[in-house]
Amino acid sequence: MAVLEVLVGMKKIYSLKIKIILPVFFILILVFLSSSLVIFDREYNSAKSSLLESAESYSSLSAATMVNNYNYYYESGFYQFNQIVEDVMKLNKNVYQIIIMNINGKILFDTNEIIEKTKYDEATFGERYIENDELMERITSSSSTMQIFENKQYMEIVYPYIDEWGRHDYSLRYFFYISSLEEIKGEMISTTFISSTIFIIISFLLIFAIFNRFITKPVGELITGVRWMSKGKLGSEVKARSRDEIGELTSAFNKMTMDLKESQDSLKEYSENLEKLVTKRTEELEDKTANLEKINKDLVKARKELNTLNKNLEIRIKERTKEVEQLLQQKDEFINQLSHDLKSPLMPLTVLIPVLEKQETNAKKIEILQVLNRNVQYMKNISIKTLELAKLNSPNTKFSLEEIDIKYELTRIIQNKADLLKSKKIEIKNNINKKIIVKADKLRLEELVSNLIENSVKYSEEFGKITIDAIKEKNHVKISIKDTGLGMTKEQIKHAFEEFYKADKSRHDFESSGLGMTICKKIIERHNGKIWIESPGLGKGITVHFTLPLYKDDT
């Protein structure tokens, strides 16, 4: 406030300085504060992510130790087990409670027993069970889950323990303090405030001195010269003190005063010649005005004709648009009805044929029923895929775009396909090791990736390999799914996205409708992305690339 009062008192003398310094000064403050806030937010989020990753890592590394030692020592050596638990908890200063439970929700051990220095007596107090349904779902889940309670300054992780035989008998609940985040935030705010204050003061003093020395004083001398000129003292020179732009301006001013003095003498002569020229130009303008009026009348007539044509054209466009909309609506209704008419008779067949197959004892009839069942399933798949493709082609189909972490989403889809991958002993590797946020429809994205993974498994031999990568490129991310399957020729790649196209036409593939890659292409196009296939040749696998738009804050 004191600095502003000084500036206000000096504004009559240094008005130019005030007008220039204040905007620059305030812009400097805004830029510095904005950059400080960005750095503060980034560092805070980095600290938070580090804390969460540390907690997740601690949970995954300590789960086996906790469960194995519980089985070995809890009943026979409780105090030795307590010592092991205390040593484990010392590895992370933020953990304050660990609970071991079986998948039935029974609490087997609570670190509060260590605090009370006594083993829980089930015979006296009864067995302890989890009664929260939501928590029970997390306990029985085969993947770890996390909940953060920032208001209460703690977070909870439920981690499943899966033994070397793949059994899931135990889950552990970890409780961590997150109050250290508030301490970090306070330190960062204090540091930012102090550095901002020092920077602002130094910047103000430096800017004030520079403007006073190099701008205000030379400009004041120029103003004095201009005042002399306004009084008719042409030819008065101002002394140039520097060789910068203001010095050049001073030299130009001095030259201008001399030129004005010379021009003043010849001004009368120019005035007389100008009067004659104006008279001549006036006569020419009158002739041109008459011609312009004639042209204007022709333009008015042409404008009226053009308006009439535009109105007729608009009527025709509206009629054609209405016809097209009706045709599109009729097409959607036809496809929907066709799909329904195809699925309606197929549904009872898909249920009854397996029943008949189980009841039939004649081997030849069983074989006929199996062939019939495959064909029915094929027809059902064709009708479903056709309806899905029609919906994607329809302009009435809307996508629900949202923020999606591509690493997390692909990991979830891979877990859902675990049984399919195990059926052919396929190894899948997700190389996406950092968080990438895209803007996409979650259900459509899952359908796309599932389709591509299923194709890779279908056309790969046992013990094959699938690799997933992602690279950020400007405002989108390129995702690649590579396999070691049958591969494709250039001619097959050329037709891969065509409807009902099958690369191997020599066999009738009941598992393929020939529409999968077409649907994938439509999904990507509705996201304003691209999809393409690369393959070194037959027997060398393929790589499917596709792009998705990055979420605005992640570009």
Protein backbone atom coordinates (compact mmCIF):
# COMPACT_ATOMS: atom_id res chain seq x y z
CA MET A 1 0.00 0.00 0.00
CA ALA A 2 2.84 2.41 0.83
CA VAL A 3 4.38 1.85 -2.62
CA LEU A 4 1.04 2.58 -4.33
CA GLU A 5 0.60 5.84 -2.36
CA VAL A 6 4.05 7.02 -3.46
CA LEU A 7 3.21 6.20 -7.08
CA VAL A 8 -0.12 8.07 -6.92
CA GLY A 9 1.62 11.16 -5.52
CA MET A 10 4.16 11.13 -8.37
CA LYS A 11 1.74 10.41 -11.24
CA LYS A 12 1.66 14.06 -12.46
CA ILE A 13 5.43 14.01 -13.03
CA TYR A 14 5.88 10.36 -14.00
CA SER A 15 2.56 9.55 -15.66
CA LEU A 16 4.23 7.56 -18.48
CA LYS A 17 6.26 5.60 -15.98
CA ILE A 18 3.16 4.74 -13.96
CA LYS A 19 1.22 3.64 -17.05
CA ILE A 20 4.02 1.33 -18.20
CA ILE A 21 5.44 0.05 -14.89
CA LEU A 22 2.16 -0.85 -13.20
CA PRO A 23 0.81 -3.20 -15.95
CA VAL A 24 4.23 -4.84 -16.34
CA PHE A 25 4.55 -5.15 -12.57
CA PHE A 26 1.11 -6.70 -12.12
CA ILE A 27 1.66 -9.08 -15.04
CA LEU A 28 4.95 -10.13 -13.47
CA ILE A 29 3.17 -10.80 -10.17
CA LEU A 30 0.44 -12.84 -11.91
CA VAL A 31 2.98 -14.87 -13.88
CA PHE A 32 5.06 -15.62 -10.81
CA LEU A 33 2.06 -16.52 -8.65
CA SER A 34 0.59 -18.68 -11.41
CA SER A 35 3.87 -20.56 -11.88
CA SER A 36 4.18 -20.94 -8.10
CA LEU A 37 0.68 -22.41 -7.89
CA VAL A 38 1.42 -24.83 -10.74
CA ILE A 39 4.66 -25.96 -9.06
CA PHE A 40 2.87 -26.23 -5.71
CA ASP A 41 0.09 -28.38 -7.19
CA ARG A 42 2.55 -30.59 -9.04
CA GLU A 43 4.79 -31.15 -6.02
CA TYR A 44 1.80 -31.82 -3.75
CA ASN A 45 0.33 -34.37 -6.17
CA SER A 46 3.77 -35.95 -6.55
CA ALA A 47 4.10 -36.29 -2.77
CA LYS A 48 0.59 -37.73 -2.56
CA SER A 49 1.25 -40.24 -5.36
CA SER A 50 4.54 -41.25 -3.72
CA LEU A 51 2.75 -41.83 -0.40
CA LEU A 52 0.05 -43.95 -2.06
CA GLU A 53 2.57 -45.97 -4.08
CA SER A 54 4.64 -46.54 -0.95
CA ALA A 55 1.56 -47.82 0.88
CA GLU A 56 0.58 -50.13 -2.00
CA SER A 57 4.14 -51.46 -2.31
CA TYR A 58 4.34 -52.02 1.45
CA SER A 59 1.03 -53.92 1.41
CA SER A 60 2.06 -56.21 -1.45
CA LEU A 61 5.50 -56.94 0.06
CA SER A 62 4.38 -57.53 3.65
CA ALA A 63 1.22 -59.62 3.01
CA ALA A 64 3.03 -62.95 2.56
CA THR A 65 5.22 -62.33 5.64
CA MET A 66 2.20 -61.52 7.81
CA VAL A 67 0.12 -64.55 6.74
CA ASN A 68 2.99 -67.08 6.81
CA ASN A 69 4.15 -66.02 10.27
CA TYR A 70 0.55 -65.97 11.49
CA ASN A 71 0.18 -69.62 10.46
CA TYR A 72 3.52 -70.54 12.05
CA TYR A 73 3.50 -68.63 15.35
CA TYR A 74 0.10 -67.19 16.27
CA GLU A 75 -1.16 -70.23 18.15
CA SER A 76 2.16 -71.61 19.42
CA GLY A 77 4.31 -68.49 19.77
CA PHE A 78 2.10 -65.43 20.11
CA TYR A 79 4.78 -63.16 21.59
CA GLN A 80 7.30 -64.12 18.92
CA PHE A 81 4.61 -63.35 16.28
CA ASN A 82 4.01 -59.95 17.95
CA GLN A 83 7.71 -59.14 17.62
CA ILE A 84 7.66 -60.02 13.89
CA VAL A 85 4.58 -57.85 13.33
CA GLU A 86 6.20 -54.90 15.15
CA ASP A 87 9.30 -55.27 12.94
CA VAL A 88 7.12 -55.31 9.81
CA MET A 89 5.20 -52.18 10.92
CA LYS A 90 8.48 -50.31 11.53
CA LEU A 91 9.20 -50.59 7.79
CA ASN A 92 6.54 -47.93 7.06
CA LYS A 93 6.18 -45.06 9.53
CA ASN A 94 2.64 -44.27 8.33
CA VAL A 95 1.04 -47.69 8.99
CA TYR A 96 -0.76 -47.85 12.33
CA GLN A 97 -3.00 -50.93 12.13
CA ILE A 98 -3.02 -54.29 10.30
CA ILE A 99 -5.87 -56.83 10.39
CA ILE A 100 -5.68 -60.42 9.07
CA MET A 101 -9.00 -61.96 7.93
CA ASN A 102 -10.10 -65.06 6.09
CA ILE A 103 -12.34 -64.76 3.04
CA ASN A 104 -15.39 -65.55 5.21
CA GLY A 105 -14.90 -62.22 6.97
CA LYS A 106 -13.58 -63.65 10.24
CA ILE A 107 -10.97 -61.47 11.94
CA LEU A 108 -7.99 -63.70 12.79
CA PHE A 109 -5.57 -61.09 14.11
CA ASP A 110 -5.60 -57.34 14.86
CA THR A 111 -2.46 -55.34 15.69
CA ASN A 112 -4.43 -53.83 18.59
CA GLU A 113 -3.66 -57.12 20.33
CA ILE A 114 -0.02 -56.01 20.36
CA ILE A 115 -0.99 -52.71 22.01
CA GLU A 116 -3.08 -54.58 24.62
CA LYS A 117 -0.24 -57.16 24.92
CA THR A 118 -2.72 -60.01 25.04
CA LYS A 119 -4.10 -62.50 22.57
CA TYR A 120 -7.79 -62.15 21.75
CA ASP A 121 -9.80 -64.80 23.58
CA GLU A 122 -12.47 -66.16 21.26
CA ALA A 123 -13.76 -68.55 23.94
CA THR A 124 -14.59 -65.59 26.20
CA PHE A 125 -15.55 -62.83 23.80
CA GLY A 126 -16.67 -64.83 20.76
CA GLU A 127 -15.45 -64.81 17.18
CA ARG A 128 -15.04 -61.50 15.34
CA TYR A 129 -16.58 -61.03 11.87
CA ILE A 130 -16.80 -58.25 9.31
CA GLU A 131 -20.45 -57.18 9.00
CA ASN A 132 -20.09 -54.55 6.26
CA ASP A 133 -21.26 -55.95 2.88
CA GLU A 134 -19.14 -53.56 0.84
CA LEU A 135 -16.04 -54.47 2.84
CA MET A 136 -16.84 -58.19 2.41
CA GLU A 137 -16.84 -57.72 -1.36
CA ARG A 138 -13.39 -56.14 -1.16
CA ILE A 139 -12.12 -58.93 1.11
CA THR A 140 -13.25 -61.67 -1.30
CA SER A 141 -11.93 -59.82 -4.36
CA SER A 142 -8.73 -61.17 -5.95
CA SER A 143 -7.36 -57.66 -6.49
CA SER A 144 -6.31 -55.03 -3.96
CA THR A 145 -8.55 -52.02 -3.27
CA MET A 146 -7.89 -48.64 -1.68
CA GLN A 147 -10.04 -46.03 0.07
CA ILE A 148 -8.77 -42.57 1.07
CA PHE A 149 -10.42 -40.54 3.85
CA GLU A 150 -8.75 -37.13 3.55
CA ASN A 151 -11.05 -35.50 6.12
CA LYS A 152 -9.99 -38.07 8.74
CA GLN A 153 -6.37 -38.10 7.55
CA TYR A 154 -6.04 -41.83 6.87
CA MET A 155 -6.41 -44.39 4.10
CA GLU A 156 -7.23 -48.09 4.00
CA ILE A 157 -5.94 -50.86 1.70
CA VAL A 158 -7.50 -54.31 1.47
CA TYR A 159 -4.90 -56.68 -0.02
CA PRO A 160 -5.68 -60.31 -1.00
CA TYR A 161 -3.09 -62.94 -0.15
CA ILE A 162 -2.90 -65.57 -2.91
CA ASP A 163 -0.54 -68.44 -2.14
CA GLU A 164 1.77 -70.20 -4.58
CA TRP A 165 -1.01 -72.65 -5.53
CA GLY A 166 -3.33 -69.79 -6.50
CA ARG A 167 -5.60 -70.11 -3.46
CA HIS A 168 -7.13 -67.04 -1.90
CA ASP A 169 -7.75 -67.90 1.78
CA TYR A 170 -6.72 -64.64 3.46
CA SER A 171 -7.01 -60.89 3.02
CA LEU A 172 -5.30 -58.10 5.00
CA ARG A 173 -6.52 -54.61 5.91
CA TYR A 174 -3.85 -51.92 6.21
CA PHE A 175 -4.48 -48.50 7.77
CA PHE A 176 -2.05 -45.63 7.00
CA TYR A 177 -1.81 -42.04 8.28
CA ILE A 178 -1.75 -39.39 5.52
CA SER A 179 -1.39 -36.38 7.85
CA SER A 180 2.15 -35.83 6.50
CA LEU A 181 0.57 -34.43 3.33
CA GLU A 182 -0.85 -31.48 5.31
CA GLU A 183 2.62 -30.79 6.78
CA ILE A 184 4.11 -30.80 3.27
CA LYS A 185 1.36 -28.47 2.04
CA GLY A 186 2.03 -25.99 4.91
CA GLU A 187 5.78 -25.93 4.23
CA MET A 188 5.22 -25.37 0.50
CA ILE A 189 2.76 -22.50 1.13
CA SER A 190 5.19 -20.80 3.53
CA THR A 191 8.13 -21.16 1.14
CA THR A 192 6.09 -19.89 -1.81
CA PHE A 193 4.87 -16.82 0.12
CA ILE A 194 8.37 -15.80 1.26
CA SER A 195 9.98 -16.28 -2.16
CA SER A 196 7.09 -14.44 -3.87
CA THR A 197 7.42 -11.42 -1.53
CA ILE A 198 11.19 -11.16 -2.05
CA PHE A 199 10.86 -11.56 -5.82
CA ILE A 200 8.10 -8.92 -6.09
CA ILE A 201 10.04 -6.30 -4.07
CA ILE A 202 13.29 -6.80 -6.00
CA SER A 203 11.47 -6.83 -9.35
CA PHE A 204 9.62 -3.60 -8.54
CA LEU A 205 12.77 -1.71 -7.52
CA LEU A 206 14.70 -2.96 -10.56
CA ILE A 207 11.91 -2.10 -13.03
CA PHE A 208 11.43 1.36 -11.45
CA ALA A 209 15.14 2.19 -11.74
CA ILE A 210 15.44 0.92 -15.33
CA PHE A 211 12.38 2.86 -16.56
CA ASN A 212 13.52 6.04 -14.80
CA ARG A 213 17.02 5.89 -16.30
CA PHE A 214 16.34 4.73 -19.84
CA ILE A 215 12.77 5.80 -20.66
CA THR A 216 11.20 8.48 -18.48
CA LYS A 217 14.06 11.01 -18.54
CA PRO A 218 14.73 10.86 -22.32
CA VAL A 219 10.99 10.99 -23.03
CA GLY A 220 10.68 14.09 -20.83
CA GLU A 221 13.30 15.87 -22.93
CA LEU A 222 11.40 14.90 -26.09
CA ILE A 223 8.20 16.34 -24.59
CA THR A 224 10.01 19.65 -24.01
CA GLY A 225 11.09 19.68 -27.66
CA VAL A 226 7.52 19.02 -28.80
CA ARG A 227 6.30 21.99 -26.72
CA TRP A 228 8.86 24.23 -28.44
CA MET A 229 7.58 23.00 -31.77
CA SER A 230 3.96 23.77 -30.78
CA LYS A 231 5.01 27.38 -30.14
CA GLY A 232 6.39 27.64 -33.68
CA LYS A 233 10.07 27.24 -32.79
CA LEU A 234 10.85 24.85 -35.64
CA GLY A 235 14.48 23.69 -35.92
CA SER A 236 14.96 23.39 -32.15
CA GLU A 237 17.03 20.25 -31.48
CA VAL A 238 16.95 17.82 -28.52
CA LYS A 239 20.23 16.33 -27.30
CA ALA A 240 20.42 12.55 -27.86
CA ARG A 241 21.87 10.80 -24.75
CA SER A 242 21.78 7.17 -25.97
CA ARG A 243 21.94 5.01 -29.08
CA ASP A 244 18.87 2.90 -28.35
CA GLU A 245 15.37 3.27 -29.77
CA ILE A 246 14.75 6.48 -27.77
CA GLY A 247 18.04 7.90 -29.09
CA GLU A 248 16.91 7.06 -32.63
CA LEU A 249 13.56 8.69 -31.85
CA THR A 250 15.38 11.84 -30.70
CA SER A 251 17.45 11.94 -33.89
CA ALA A 252 14.29 11.40 -35.96
CA PHE A 253 12.58 14.24 -34.04
CA ASN A 254 15.46 16.60 -34.75
CA LYS A 255 15.39 15.70 -38.43
CA MET A 256 11.62 16.16 -38.48
CA THR A 257 11.83 19.70 -37.12
CA MET A 258 14.31 20.62 -39.83
CA ASP A 259 12.15 19.04 -42.53
CA LEU A 260 9.07 20.85 -41.20
CA LYS A 261 10.90 24.16 -41.43
CA GLU A 262 11.76 23.47 -45.05
CA SER A 263 8.23 22.28 -45.78
CA GLN A 264 6.67 25.39 -44.27
CA ASP A 265 8.22 27.58 -46.94
CA SER A 266 6.82 25.55 -49.83
CA LEU A 267 3.40 24.92 -48.22
CA LYS A 268 1.72 27.90 -49.90
CA GLU A 269 2.80 26.77 -53.34
CA TYR A 270 1.46 23.27 -52.64
CA SER A 271 -1.82 24.75 -51.37
CA GLU A 272 -2.47 26.58 -54.63
CA ASN A 273 -1.67 23.54 -56.74
CA LEU A 274 -3.84 21.41 -54.48
CA GLU A 275 -6.87 23.64 -54.98
CA LYS A 276 -6.61 23.27 -58.75
CA LEU A 277 -6.19 19.52 -58.41
CA VAL A 278 -9.24 19.24 -56.12
CA THR A 279 -11.42 20.99 -58.70
CA LYS A 280 -10.31 18.61 -61.41
CA ARG A 281 -10.83 15.55 -59.20
CA THR A 282 -14.30 16.76 -58.25
CA GLU A 283 -15.39 16.77 -61.88
CA GLU A 284 -14.01 13.24 -62.35
CA LEU A 285 -15.83 12.03 -59.21
CA GLU A 286 -19.15 13.35 -60.49
CA ASP A 287 -18.77 11.30 -63.68
CA LYS A 288 -17.83 8.19 -61.71
CA THR A 289 -20.76 8.70 -59.35
CA ALA A 290 -23.19 8.61 -62.27
CA ASN A 291 -21.66 5.33 -63.47
CA LEU A 292 -21.82 3.85 -59.96
CA GLU A 293 -25.53 4.67 -59.67
CA LYS A 294 -26.21 2.76 -62.87
CA ILE A 295 -24.16 -0.22 -61.65
CA ASN A 296 -25.98 -0.12 -58.30
CA LYS A 297 -29.37 -0.44 -60.02
CA ASP A 298 -28.10 -3.52 -61.87
CA LEU A 299 -26.81 -4.99 -58.59
CA VAL A 300 -30.17 -4.48 -56.87
CA LYS A 301 -31.91 -6.34 -59.68
CA ALA A 302 -29.36 -9.18 -59.54
CA ARG A 303 -29.70 -9.38 -55.72
CA LYS A 304 -33.46 -9.86 -55.99
CA GLU A 305 -32.99 -12.68 -58.51
CA LEU A 306 -30.35 -14.28 -56.27
CA ASN A 307 -32.66 -14.12 -53.22
CA THR A 308 -35.40 -15.87 -55.21
CA LEU A 309 -32.96 -18.63 -56.22
CA ASN A 310 -31.72 -19.01 -52.61
CA LYS A 311 -35.27 -19.42 -51.29
CA ASN A 312 -36.03 -22.12 -53.87
CA LEU A 313 -32.73 -23.84 -53.06
CA GLU A 314 -33.45 -23.79 -49.30
CA ILE A 315 -36.87 -25.37 -49.90
CA ARG A 316 -35.28 -28.14 -51.99
CA ILE A 317 -32.53 -28.74 -49.40
CA LYS A 318 -35.10 -29.04 -46.59
CA GLU A 319 -37.14 -31.51 -48.65
CA ARG A 320 -34.06 -33.64 -49.47
CA THR A 321 -32.87 -33.50 -45.84
CA LYS A 322 -36.26 -34.69 -44.60
CA GLU A 323 -36.21 -37.54 -47.12
CA VAL A 324 -32.70 -38.60 -46.04
CA GLU A 325 -33.67 -38.50 -42.35
CA GLN A 326 -36.73 -40.65 -43.08
CA LEU A 327 -34.58 -43.15 -45.01
CA LEU A 328 -32.03 -43.32 -42.16
CA GLN A 329 -34.80 -43.84 -39.63
CA GLN A 330 -36.36 -46.56 -41.80
CA LYS A 331 -32.93 -48.19 -42.15
CA ASP A 332 -32.37 -48.22 -38.35
CA GLU A 333 -35.87 -49.59 -37.76
CA PHE A 334 -35.34 -52.29 -40.42
CA ILE A 335 -31.99 -53.41 -38.98
CA ASN A 336 -33.35 -53.45 -35.42
CA GLN A 337 -36.39 -55.46 -36.53
CA LEU A 338 -34.21 -57.80 -38.61
CA SER A 339 -31.89 -58.44 -35.67
CA HIS A 340 -34.87 -59.06 -33.39
CA ASP A 341 -36.48 -61.42 -35.93
CA LEU A 342 -33.19 -63.34 -36.22
CA LYS A 343 -32.53 -63.54 -32.49
CA SER A 344 -36.10 -64.50 -31.50
CA PRO A 345 -36.09 -67.99 -33.13
CA LEU A 346 -32.40 -68.53 -32.31
CA MET A 347 -32.74 -68.00 -28.54
CA PRO A 348 -34.86 -71.12 -27.83
CA LEU A 349 -32.57 -73.14 -30.15
CA THR A 350 -29.46 -72.10 -28.19
CA VAL A 351 -31.17 -73.38 -25.03
CA LEU A 352 -32.87 -76.54 -26.35
CA ILE A 353 -30.10 -77.99 -28.54
CA PRO A 354 -27.58 -78.43 -25.66
CA VAL A 355 -30.39 -80.08 -23.63
CA LEU A 356 -31.16 -82.51 -26.49
CA GLU A 357 -27.43 -83.18 -26.92
CA LYS A 358 -27.11 -84.22 -23.26
CA GLN A 359 -30.18 -86.47 -23.47
CA GLU A 360 -29.22 -88.13 -26.79
CA THR A 361 -27.28 -91.41 -26.67
CA ASN A 362 -26.87 -92.00 -30.39
CA ALA A 363 -23.35 -90.81 -31.39
CA LYS A 364 -24.37 -89.84 -34.92
CA LYS A 365 -27.30 -87.77 -33.68
CA ILE A 366 -25.06 -86.12 -31.08
CA GLU A 367 -22.65 -85.12 -33.86
CA ILE A 368 -25.57 -83.68 -35.88
CA LEU A 369 -26.77 -81.73 -32.83
CA GLN A 370 -23.24 -80.36 -32.26
CA VAL A 371 -23.03 -79.16 -35.88
CA LEU A 372 -26.50 -77.64 -35.53
CA ASN A 373 -25.50 -75.90 -32.27
CA ARG A 374 -22.38 -74.40 -33.87
CA ASN A 375 -24.40 -73.04 -36.78
CA VAL A 376 -27.05 -71.59 -34.42
CA GLN A 377 -24.34 -69.90 -32.36
CA TYR A 378 -22.78 -68.59 -35.55
CA MET A 379 -26.11 -67.13 -36.72
CA LYS A 380 -26.69 -65.59 -33.28
CA ASN A 381 -23.22 -64.01 -33.34
CA ILE A 382 -23.83 -62.67 -36.86
CA SER A 383 -27.13 -61.03 -35.84
CA ILE A 384 -25.64 -59.47 -32.70
CA LYS A 385 -22.59 -58.12 -34.56
CA THR A 386 -24.78 -56.82 -37.41
CA LEU A 387 -26.98 -54.93 -34.95
CA GLU A 388 -23.90 -53.54 -33.17
CA LEU A 389 -22.42 -52.36 -36.49
CA ALA A 390 -25.73 -50.73 -37.43
CA LYS A 391 -25.83 -48.85 -34.13
CA LEU A 392 -22.28 -47.57 -34.67
CA ASN A 393 -23.20 -46.44 -38.20
CA SER A 394 -26.31 -44.64 -36.95
CA PRO A 395 -25.92 -40.88 -36.24
CA ASN A 396 -28.42 -41.30 -33.40
CA THR A 397 -25.99 -43.46 -31.39
CA LYS A 398 -24.30 -41.29 -28.75
CA PHE A 399 -20.99 -42.08 -27.03
CA SER A 400 -20.53 -41.32 -23.33
CA LEU A 401 -17.03 -39.80 -23.28
CA GLU A 402 -15.23 -39.61 -19.93
CA GLU A 403 -11.77 -39.48 -18.36
CA ILE A 404 -10.17 -42.96 -18.49
CA ASP A 405 -6.79 -44.08 -17.15
CA ILE A 406 -5.68 -46.27 -20.06
CA LYS A 407 -3.14 -48.20 -17.97
CA TYR A 408 -5.72 -49.11 -15.32
CA GLU A 409 -8.44 -49.91 -17.88
CA LEU A 410 -6.24 -52.21 -19.98
CA THR A 411 -5.04 -53.99 -16.82
CA ARG A 412 -8.67 -54.57 -15.80
CA ILE A 413 -9.59 -55.94 -19.25
CA ILE A 414 -6.56 -58.26 -19.24
CA GLN A 415 -7.63 -59.63 -15.83
CA ASN A 416 -11.11 -60.30 -17.23
CA LYS A 417 -9.52 -62.31 -20.06
CA ALA A 418 -7.34 -64.42 -17.73
CA ASP A 419 -9.25 -67.68 -18.37
CA LEU A 420 -9.11 -67.18 -22.14
CA LEU A 421 -5.35 -66.56 -21.99
CA LYS A 422 -4.77 -69.58 -19.74
CA SER A 423 -6.73 -71.82 -22.13
CA LYS A 424 -3.90 -71.52 -24.70
CA LYS A 425 -1.12 -70.66 -22.22
CA ILE A 426 -0.71 -67.22 -23.81
CA GLU A 427 1.69 -64.78 -22.10
CA ILE A 428 0.47 -61.17 -22.18
CA LYS A 429 2.67 -58.22 -21.20
CA ASN A 430 1.38 -54.68 -20.55
CA ASN A 431 4.28 -52.25 -21.06
CA ILE A 432 2.23 -49.17 -20.14
CA ASN A 433 4.06 -48.09 -16.97
CA LYS A 434 2.67 -44.61 -16.41
CA LYS A 435 -0.72 -42.95 -16.03
CA ILE A 436 -2.19 -41.76 -19.35
CA ILE A 437 -5.65 -40.15 -19.32
CA VAL A 438 -7.74 -40.40 -22.50
CA LYS A 439 -11.21 -39.16 -23.40
CA ALA A 440 -13.26 -42.19 -24.44
CA ASP A 441 -16.44 -44.24 -23.98
CA LYS A 442 -15.53 -46.86 -21.35
CA LEU A 443 -17.85 -49.62 -22.63
CA ARG A 444 -16.82 -49.12 -26.26
CA LEU A 445 -13.14 -49.08 -25.29
CA GLU A 446 -13.56 -52.40 -23.44
CA GLU A 447 -15.36 -53.88 -26.45
CA LEU A 448 -12.54 -52.72 -28.76
CA VAL A 449 -9.63 -54.06 -26.64
CA SER A 450 -11.48 -57.32 -25.80
CA ASN A 451 -12.09 -57.95 -29.51
CA LEU A 452 -8.41 -57.39 -30.38
CA ILE A 453 -7.15 -59.62 -27.52
CA GLU A 454 -9.62 -62.39 -28.44
CA ASN A 455 -8.43 -62.24 -32.08
CA SER A 456 -4.78 -62.49 -30.97
CA VAL A 457 -5.56 -65.53 -28.79
CA LYS A 458 -7.71 -67.17 -31.50
CA TYR A 459 -5.00 -66.95 -34.17
CA SER A 460 -2.02 -67.80 -31.94
CA GLU A 461 -0.56 -71.19 -31.12
CA GLU A 462 -0.09 -72.37 -27.53
CA PHE A 463 2.60 -70.55 -25.52
CA GLY A 464 2.20 -67.48 -27.74
CA LYS A 465 2.90 -63.94 -26.59
CA ILE A 466 0.90 -60.66 -26.65
CA THR A 467 2.54 -57.27 -25.97
CA ILE A 468 0.73 -53.96 -25.30
CA ASP A 469 2.46 -50.55 -25.63
CA ALA A 470 1.31 -46.91 -25.58
CA ILE A 471 3.05 -43.70 -26.75
CA LYS A 472 1.85 -40.09 -26.36
CA GLU A 473 1.87 -38.17 -29.69
CA LYS A 474 0.83 -34.47 -29.53
CA ASN A 475 -2.87 -34.45 -28.55
CA HIS A 476 -3.48 -38.22 -28.74
CA VAL A 477 -2.02 -41.55 -27.59
CA LYS A 478 -1.08 -44.42 -29.92
CA ILE A 479 -1.79 -47.88 -28.45
CA SER A 480 -0.27 -51.03 -30.02
CA ILE A 481 -1.29 -54.67 -29.45
CA LYS A 482 1.27 -57.09 -30.89
CA ASP A 483 1.01 -60.91 -31.06
CA THR A 484 3.06 -63.86 -32.33
CA GLY A 485 0.15 -65.46 -34.21
CA LEU A 486 -0.50 -66.50 -37.82
CA GLY A 487 0.34 -63.10 -39.34
CA MET A 488 -1.20 -61.57 -42.48
CA THR A 489 -0.23 -60.78 -46.05
CA LYS A 490 -0.42 -57.26 -47.48
CA GLU A 491 -3.53 -58.25 -49.44
CA GLN A 492 -5.24 -59.57 -46.29
CA ILE A 493 -4.36 -56.37 -44.38
CA LYS A 494 -5.87 -54.33 -47.22
CA HIS A 495 -9.30 -55.98 -46.69
CA ALA A 496 -9.09 -56.60 -42.92
CA PHE A 497 -11.60 -53.87 -41.97
CA GLU A 498 -14.19 -54.77 -44.63
CA GLU A 499 -17.54 -56.15 -43.47
CA PHE A 500 -17.79 -60.00 -43.35
CA TYR A 501 -14.17 -60.36 -44.50
CA LYS A 502 -12.26 -63.45 -43.30
CA ALA A 503 -8.56 -63.85 -44.01
CA ASP A 504 -8.78 -67.67 -44.33
CA LYS A 505 -11.69 -68.43 -46.69
CA SER A 506 -10.78 -72.14 -47.01
CA ARG A 507 -12.43 -73.00 -43.68
CA HIS A 508 -15.76 -71.99 -42.17
CA ASP A 509 -14.90 -70.32 -38.86
CA PHE A 510 -17.95 -70.55 -36.58
CA GLU A 511 -16.24 -68.33 -33.97
CA SER A 512 -15.82 -65.41 -36.37
CA SER A 513 -18.54 -63.25 -37.90
CA GLY A 514 -16.20 -61.24 -40.10
CA LEU A 515 -17.46 -58.04 -38.42
CA GLY A 516 -15.13 -57.74 -35.43
CA MET A 517 -12.46 -55.56 -37.07
CA THR A 518 -15.16 -53.50 -38.82
CA ILE A 519 -16.75 -52.74 -35.43
CA CYS A 520 -13.31 -51.86 -34.01
CA LYS A 521 -12.74 -49.39 -36.85
CA LYS A 522 -16.17 -47.77 -36.30
CA ILE A 523 -15.49 -47.38 -32.55
CA ILE A 524 -12.14 -45.70 -33.20
CA GLU A 525 -13.58 -43.42 -35.90
CA ARG A 526 -16.35 -42.30 -33.50
CA HIS A 527 -13.51 -41.24 -31.15
CA ASN A 528 -11.88 -39.24 -34.00
CA GLY A 529 -9.00 -41.72 -34.01
CA LYS A 530 -7.27 -44.04 -36.50
CA ILE A 531 -6.68 -47.82 -36.58
CA TRP A 532 -4.33 -49.82 -38.81
CA ILE A 533 -2.55 -53.21 -38.99
CA GLU A 534 1.10 -54.09 -39.59
CA SER A 535 2.54 -57.59 -40.18
CA PRO A 536 5.94 -58.86 -41.40
CA GLY A 537 4.11 -61.73 -43.15
CA LEU A 538 2.45 -65.09 -42.60
CA GLY A 539 3.55 -66.89 -39.45
CA LYS A 540 5.18 -63.75 -38.01
CA GLY A 541 2.28 -62.24 -36.06
CA ILE A 542 0.56 -58.87 -36.44
CA THR A 543 0.49 -55.51 -34.66
CA VAL A 544 -2.75 -53.52 -34.41
CA HIS A 545 -2.25 -49.79 -33.80
CA PHE A 546 -5.02 -47.36 -32.86
CA THR A 547 -5.17 -43.80 -31.52
CA LEU A 548 -7.38 -42.16 -28.89
CA PRO A 549 -7.62 -38.45 -27.94
CA LEU A 550 -5.83 -37.42 -24.78
CA TYR A 551 -7.88 -35.76 -22.06
CA LYS A 552 -7.31 -32.00 -22.22
CA ASP A 553 -5.42 -31.78 -18.88
CA ASP A 554 -3.10 -34.63 -19.93
CA THR A 555 -1.90 -33.16 -23.26
